[in-house]
Amino acid sequence: MKEIEVFIDTDEIAEFFFQELLRRGYAPSDGEVEELADITFEYLLAKCIIDEEVEDI
Protein backbone atom coordinates (compact mmCIF):
# COMPACT_ATOMS: atom_id res chain seq x y z
CA MET A 1 0.00 0.00 0.00
CA LYS A 2 1.30 3.44 -0.90
CA GLU A 3 1.76 5.93 1.91
CA ILE A 4 0.56 9.48 1.38
CA GLU A 5 1.11 12.54 3.50
CA VAL A 6 -2.04 14.20 4.82
CA PHE A 7 -2.25 17.27 7.02
CA ILE A 8 -5.20 17.46 9.41
CA ASP A 9 -6.06 20.94 10.65
CA THR A 10 -8.42 20.91 13.62
CA ASP A 11 -9.36 24.54 12.93
CA GLU A 12 -10.47 23.48 9.46
CA ILE A 13 -12.43 20.56 10.94
CA ALA A 14 -14.09 22.93 13.44
CA GLU A 15 -15.12 25.31 10.64
CA PHE A 16 -16.49 22.40 8.61
CA PHE A 17 -18.58 21.16 11.56
CA PHE A 18 -19.77 24.70 12.30
CA GLN A 19 -20.98 25.24 8.73
CA GLU A 20 -22.57 21.79 8.49
CA LEU A 21 -24.37 22.16 11.82
CA LEU A 22 -25.67 25.60 10.82
CA ARG A 23 -26.89 24.19 7.51
CA ARG A 24 -28.76 21.49 9.45
CA GLY A 25 -30.44 23.98 11.77
CA TYR A 26 -28.12 23.86 14.79
CA ALA A 27 -26.39 26.87 16.33
CA PRO A 28 -23.20 25.53 17.93
CA SER A 29 -20.84 27.66 19.97
CA ASP A 30 -17.18 28.00 19.01
CA GLY A 31 -16.23 25.86 21.99
CA GLU A 32 -18.59 23.09 20.93
CA VAL A 33 -17.23 22.82 17.40
CA GLU A 34 -13.65 22.95 18.70
CA GLU A 35 -14.47 19.99 20.98
CA LEU A 36 -15.98 18.13 18.02
CA ALA A 37 -12.85 18.82 15.98
CA ASP A 38 -10.62 17.51 18.77
CA ILE A 39 -12.78 14.39 19.17
CA THR A 40 -12.63 13.79 15.42
CA PHE A 41 -8.84 14.11 15.45
CA GLU A 42 -8.57 11.69 18.38
CA TYR A 43 -10.89 9.25 16.59
CA LEU A 44 -8.69 9.29 13.49
CA LEU A 45 -5.65 8.63 15.70
CA ALA A 46 -7.40 5.79 17.58
CA LYS A 47 -8.41 4.10 14.32
CA CYS A 48 -4.82 4.44 13.02
CA ILE A 49 -6.08 6.45 10.06
CA ILE A 50 -3.52 9.14 10.85
CA ASP A 51 -0.32 9.41 12.87
CA GLU A 52 0.39 12.48 14.94
CA GLU A 53 3.63 14.25 14.17
CA VAL A 54 4.86 17.04 16.39
CA GLU A 55 6.85 19.67 14.53
CA ASP A 56 9.79 21.39 16.14
CA ILE A 57 9.12 25.09 15.72
PDB file of N, CA and C in Angstrom:
ATOM      1  N   MET A   1       0.847  -1.171   0.000  1.00  0.00           N
ATOM      2  CA  MET A   1       0.000   0.000   0.000  1.00  0.00           C
ATOM      3  C   MET A   1       0.896   1.239   0.000  1.00  0.00           C
ATOM      4  N   LYS A   2       0.540   2.200  -0.809  1.00  0.00           N
ATOM      5  CA  LYS A   2       1.295   3.444  -0.904  1.00  0.00           C
ATOM      6  C   LYS A   2       0.949   4.375   0.253  1.00  0.00           C
ATOM      7  N   GLU A   3       1.967   4.980   0.820  1.00  0.00           N
ATOM      8  CA  GLU A   3       1.763   5.933   1.907  1.00  0.00           C
ATOM      9  C   GLU A   3       1.671   7.336   1.325  1.00  0.00           C
ATOM     10  N   ILE A   4       0.694   8.095   1.808  1.00  0.00           N
ATOM     11  CA  ILE A   4       0.562   9.484   1.382  1.00  0.00           C
ATOM     12  C   ILE A   4       0.634  10.374   2.615  1.00  0.00           C
ATOM     13  N   GLU A   5       1.017  11.595   2.404  1.00  0.00           N
ATOM     14  CA  GLU A   5       1.107  12.542   3.504  1.00  0.00           C
ATOM     15  C   GLU A   5      -0.139  13.414   3.519  1.00  0.00           C
ATOM     16  N   VAL A   6      -0.808  13.433   4.662  1.00  0.00           N
ATOM     17  CA  VAL A   6      -2.042  14.198   4.823  1.00  0.00           C
ATOM     18  C   VAL A   6      -1.879  15.094   6.043  1.00  0.00           C
ATOM     19  N   PHE A   7      -2.300  16.335   5.912  1.00  0.00           N
ATOM     20  CA  PHE A   7      -2.251  17.272   7.024  1.00  0.00           C
ATOM     21  C   PHE A   7      -3.671  17.504   7.514  1.00  0.00           C
ATOM     22  N   ILE A   8      -3.891  17.270   8.799  1.00  0.00           N
ATOM     23  CA  ILE A   8      -5.198  17.457   9.414  1.00  0.00           C
ATOM     24  C   ILE A   8      -5.142  18.727  10.253  1.00  0.00           C
ATOM     25  N   ASP A   9      -6.008  19.666   9.944  1.00  0.00           N
ATOM     26  CA  ASP A   9      -6.057  20.941  10.649  1.00  0.00           C
ATOM     27  C   ASP A   9      -7.345  20.974  11.468  1.00  0.00           C
ATOM     28  N   THR A  10      -7.218  20.937  12.794  1.00  0.00           N
ATOM     29  CA  THR A  10      -8.424  20.913  13.622  1.00  0.00           C
ATOM     30  C   THR A  10      -9.234  22.195  13.496  1.00  0.00           C
ATOM     31  N   ASP A  11      -8.598  23.307  13.179  1.00  0.00           N
ATOM     32  CA  ASP A  11      -9.355  24.542  12.934  1.00  0.00           C
ATOM     33  C   ASP A  11     -10.236  24.388  11.696  1.00  0.00           C
ATOM     34  N   GLU A  12      -9.706  23.728  10.683  1.00  0.00           N
ATOM     35  CA  GLU A  12     -10.474  23.482   9.460  1.00  0.00           C
ATOM     36  C   GLU A  12     -11.630  22.518   9.738  1.00  0.00           C
ATOM     37  N   ILE A  13     -11.372  21.500  10.556  1.00  0.00           N
ATOM     38  CA  ILE A  13     -12.428  20.561  10.945  1.00  0.00           C
ATOM     39  C   ILE A  13     -13.522  21.305  11.711  1.00  0.00           C
ATOM     40  N   ALA A  14     -13.118  22.171  12.647  1.00  0.00           N
ATOM     41  CA  ALA A  14     -14.088  22.932  13.439  1.00  0.00           C
ATOM     42  C   ALA A  14     -14.954  23.806  12.536  1.00  0.00           C
ATOM     43  N   GLU A  15     -14.352  24.463  11.570  1.00  0.00           N
ATOM     44  CA  GLU A  15     -15.116  25.314  10.642  1.00  0.00           C
ATOM     45  C   GLU A  15     -16.083  24.472   9.814  1.00  0.00           C
ATOM     46  N   PHE A  16     -15.628  23.299   9.378  1.00  0.00           N
ATOM     47  CA  PHE A  16     -16.489  22.398   8.614  1.00  0.00           C
ATOM     48  C   PHE A  16     -17.703  21.986   9.446  1.00  0.00           C
ATOM     49  N   PHE A  17     -17.469  21.542  10.694  1.00  0.00           N
ATOM     50  CA  PHE A  17     -18.576  21.165  11.565  1.00  0.00           C
ATOM     51  C   PHE A  17     -19.509  22.338  11.814  1.00  0.00           C
ATOM     52  N   PHE A  18     -18.958  23.512  12.053  1.00  0.00           N
ATOM     53  CA  PHE A  18     -19.770  24.696  12.298  1.00  0.00           C
ATOM     54  C   PHE A  18     -20.712  24.959  11.126  1.00  0.00           C
ATOM     55  N   GLN A  19     -20.167  24.968   9.918  1.00  0.00           N
ATOM     56  CA  GLN A  19     -20.980  25.241   8.726  1.00  0.00           C
ATOM     57  C   GLN A  19     -22.027  24.156   8.506  1.00  0.00           C
ATOM     58  N   GLU A  20     -21.636  22.892   8.691  1.00  0.00           N
ATOM     59  CA  GLU A  20     -22.574  21.790   8.488  1.00  0.00           C
ATOM     60  C   GLU A  20     -23.688  21.805   9.538  1.00  0.00           C
ATOM     61  N   LEU A  21     -23.343  22.093  10.779  1.00  0.00           N
ATOM     62  CA  LEU A  21     -24.374  22.158  11.817  1.00  0.00           C
ATOM     63  C   LEU A  21     -25.325  23.325  11.588  1.00  0.00           C
ATOM     64  N   LEU A  22     -24.798  24.473  11.157  1.00  0.00           N
ATOM     65  CA  LEU A  22     -25.667  25.604  10.823  1.00  0.00           C
ATOM     66  C   LEU A  22     -26.619  25.237   9.686  1.00  0.00           C
ATOM     67  N   ARG A  23     -26.084  24.597   8.669  1.00  0.00           N
ATOM     68  CA  ARG A  23     -26.887  24.194   7.515  1.00  0.00           C
ATOM     69  C   ARG A  23     -28.014  23.243   7.924  1.00  0.00           C
ATOM     70  N   ARG A  24     -27.775  22.474   8.982  1.00  0.00           N
ATOM     71  CA  ARG A  24     -28.760  21.494   9.452  1.00  0.00           C
ATOM     72  C   ARG A  24     -29.666  22.047  10.552  1.00  0.00           C
ATOM     73  N   GLY A  25     -29.536  23.340  10.833  1.00  0.00           N
ATOM     74  CA  GLY A  25     -30.440  23.977  11.774  1.00  0.00           C
ATOM     75  C   GLY A  25     -29.950  24.063  13.207  1.00  0.00           C
ATOM     76  N   TYR A  26     -28.686  23.762  13.447  1.00  0.00           N
ATOM     77  CA  TYR A  26     -28.123  23.864  14.790  1.00  0.00           C
ATOM     78  C   TYR A  26     -27.300  25.142  14.900  1.00  0.00           C
ATOM     79  N   ALA A  27     -27.191  25.666  16.099  1.00  0.00           N
ATOM     80  CA  ALA A  27     -26.394  26.872  16.327  1.00  0.00           C
ATOM     81  C   ALA A  27     -25.321  26.564  17.382  1.00  0.00           C
ATOM     82  N   PRO A  28     -24.239  25.902  16.973  1.00  0.00           N
ATOM     83  CA  PRO A  28     -23.199  25.529  17.935  1.00  0.00           C
ATOM     84  C   PRO A  28     -22.342  26.722  18.339  1.00  0.00           C
ATOM     85  N   SER A  29     -21.787  26.628  19.543  1.00  0.00           N
ATOM     86  CA  SER A  29     -20.839  27.661  19.968  1.00  0.00           C
ATOM     87  C   SER A  29     -19.463  27.306  19.422  1.00  0.00           C
ATOM     88  N   ASP A  30     -18.549  28.270  19.462  1.00  0.00           N
ATOM     89  CA  ASP A  30     -17.180  28.004  19.012  1.00  0.00           C
ATOM     90  C   ASP A  30     -16.554  26.878  19.822  1.00  0.00           C
ATOM     91  N   GLY A  31     -16.786  26.885  21.123  1.00  0.00           N
ATOM     92  CA  GLY A  31     -16.229  25.856  21.990  1.00  0.00           C
ATOM     93  C   GLY A  31     -16.738  24.467  21.653  1.00  0.00           C
ATOM     94  N   GLU A  32     -18.014  24.395  21.289  1.00  0.00           N
ATOM     95  CA  GLU A  32     -18.593  23.090  20.931  1.00  0.00           C
ATOM     96  C   GLU A  32     -17.971  22.520  19.667  1.00  0.00           C
ATOM     97  N   VAL A  33     -17.804  23.342  18.644  1.00  0.00           N
ATOM     98  CA  VAL A  33     -17.232  22.816  17.405  1.00  0.00           C
ATOM     99  C   VAL A  33     -15.739  22.522  17.561  1.00  0.00           C
ATOM    100  N   GLU A  34     -15.056  23.257  18.427  1.00  0.00           N
ATOM    101  CA  GLU A  34     -13.650  22.946  18.697  1.00  0.00           C
ATOM    102  C   GLU A  34     -13.533  21.592  19.387  1.00  0.00           C
ATOM    103  N   GLU A  35     -14.455  21.305  20.313  1.00  0.00           N
ATOM    104  CA  GLU A  35     -14.467  19.994  20.975  1.00  0.00           C
ATOM    105  C   GLU A  35     -14.741  18.892  19.961  1.00  0.00           C
ATOM    106  N   LEU A  36     -15.697  19.120  19.060  1.00  0.00           N
ATOM    107  CA  LEU A  36     -15.984  18.134  18.018  1.00  0.00           C
ATOM    108  C   LEU A  36     -14.762  17.893  17.134  1.00  0.00           C
ATOM    109  N   ALA A  37     -14.048  18.947  16.803  1.00  0.00           N
ATOM    110  CA  ALA A  37     -12.845  18.819  15.978  1.00  0.00           C
ATOM    111  C   ALA A  37     -11.780  18.008  16.707  1.00  0.00           C
ATOM    112  N   ASP A  38     -11.594  18.268  17.990  1.00  0.00           N
ATOM    113  CA  ASP A  38     -10.616  17.510  18.774  1.00  0.00           C
ATOM    114  C   ASP A  38     -11.014  16.040  18.872  1.00  0.00           C
ATOM    115  N   ILE A  39     -12.289  15.779  19.091  1.00  0.00           N
ATOM    116  CA  ILE A  39     -12.781  14.395  19.166  1.00  0.00           C
ATOM    117  C   ILE A  39     -12.572  13.681  17.842  1.00  0.00           C
ATOM    118  N   THR A  40     -12.835  14.373  16.746  1.00  0.00           N
ATOM    119  CA  THR A  40     -12.634  13.790  15.422  1.00  0.00           C
ATOM    120  C   THR A  40     -11.168  13.440  15.203  1.00  0.00           C
ATOM    121  N   PHE A  41     -10.275  14.344  15.588  1.00  0.00           N
ATOM    122  CA  PHE A  41      -8.844  14.106  15.450  1.00  0.00           C
ATOM    123  C   PHE A  41      -8.430  12.892  16.281  1.00  0.00           C
ATOM    124  N   GLU A  42      -8.899  12.818  17.516  1.00  0.00           N
ATOM    125  CA  GLU A  42      -8.575  11.694  18.385  1.00  0.00           C
ATOM    126  C   GLU A  42      -9.127  10.384  17.829  1.00  0.00           C
ATOM    127  N   TYR A  43     -10.302  10.437  17.216  1.00  0.00           N
ATOM    128  CA  TYR A  43     -10.889   9.250  16.587  1.00  0.00           C
ATOM    129  C   TYR A  43     -10.002   8.757  15.449  1.00  0.00           C
ATOM    130  N   LEU A  44      -9.565   9.671  14.603  1.00  0.00           N
ATOM    131  CA  LEU A  44      -8.692   9.289  13.487  1.00  0.00           C
ATOM    132  C   LEU A  44      -7.389   8.675  13.992  1.00  0.00           C
ATOM    133  N   LEU A  45      -6.846   9.203  15.086  1.00  0.00           N
ATOM    134  CA  LEU A  45      -5.651   8.626  15.700  1.00  0.00           C
ATOM    135  C   LEU A  45      -5.942   7.225  16.239  1.00  0.00           C
ATOM    136  N   ALA A  46      -7.044   7.071  16.960  1.00  0.00           N
ATOM    137  CA  ALA A  46      -7.398   5.793  17.582  1.00  0.00           C
ATOM    138  C   ALA A  46      -7.616   4.702  16.537  1.00  0.00           C
ATOM    139  N   LYS A  47      -8.148   5.062  15.393  1.00  0.00           N
ATOM    140  CA  LYS A  47      -8.409   4.102  14.318  1.00  0.00           C
ATOM    141  C   LYS A  47      -7.188   3.905  13.410  1.00  0.00           C
ATOM    142  N   CYS A  48      -6.081   4.536  13.777  1.00  0.00           N
ATOM    143  CA  CYS A  48      -4.823   4.442  13.016  1.00  0.00           C
ATOM    144  C   CYS A  48      -4.989   4.911  11.566  1.00  0.00           C
ATOM    145  N   ILE A  49      -5.892   5.850  11.374  1.00  0.00           N
ATOM    146  CA  ILE A  49      -6.077   6.451  10.055  1.00  0.00           C
ATOM    147  C   ILE A  49      -5.005   7.500   9.822  1.00  0.00           C
ATOM    148  N   ILE A  50      -4.591   8.141  10.904  1.00  0.00           N
ATOM    149  CA  ILE A  50      -3.523   9.141  10.846  1.00  0.00           C
ATOM    150  C   ILE A  50      -2.528   8.864  11.971  1.00  0.00           C
ATOM    151  N   ASP A  51      -1.338   9.410  11.826  1.00  0.00           N
ATOM    152  CA  ASP A  51      -0.322   9.410  12.871  1.00  0.00           C
ATOM    153  C   ASP A  51      -0.064  10.852  13.232  1.00  0.00           C
ATOM    154  N   GLU A  52       0.121  11.115  14.504  1.00  0.00           N
ATOM    155  CA  GLU A  52       0.388  12.480  14.936  1.00  0.00           C
ATOM    156  C   GLU A  52       1.885  12.736  14.881  1.00  0.00           C
ATOM    157  N   GLU A  53       2.246  13.816  14.215  1.00  0.00           N
ATOM    158  CA  GLU A  53       3.626  14.253  14.166  1.00  0.00           C
ATOM    159  C   GLU A  53       3.707  15.613  14.830  1.00  0.00           C
ATOM    160  N   VAL A  54       4.657  15.765  15.716  1.00  0.00           N
ATOM    161  CA  VAL A  54       4.857  17.042  16.388  1.00  0.00           C
ATOM    162  C   VAL A  54       6.041  17.722  15.717  1.00  0.00           C
ATOM    163  N   GLU A  55       5.795  18.919  15.202  1.00  0.00           N
ATOM    164  CA  GLU A  55       6.854  19.671  14.533  1.00  0.00           C
ATOM    165  C   GLU A  55       7.634  20.478  15.528  1.00  0.00           C
ATOM    166  N   ASP A  56       8.934  20.513  15.337  1.00  0.00           N
ATOM    167  CA  ASP A  56       9.789  21.391  16.141  1.00  0.00           C
ATOM    168  C   ASP A  56       9.753  22.767  15.515  1.00  0.00           C
ATOM    169  N   ILE A  57       9.236  23.731  16.262  1.00  0.00           N
ATOM    170  CA  ILE A  57       9.115  25.085  15.725  1.00  0.00           C
ATOM    171  C   ILE A  57      10.195  25.962  16.307  1.00  0.00           C
TER     172      ILE A  57
END
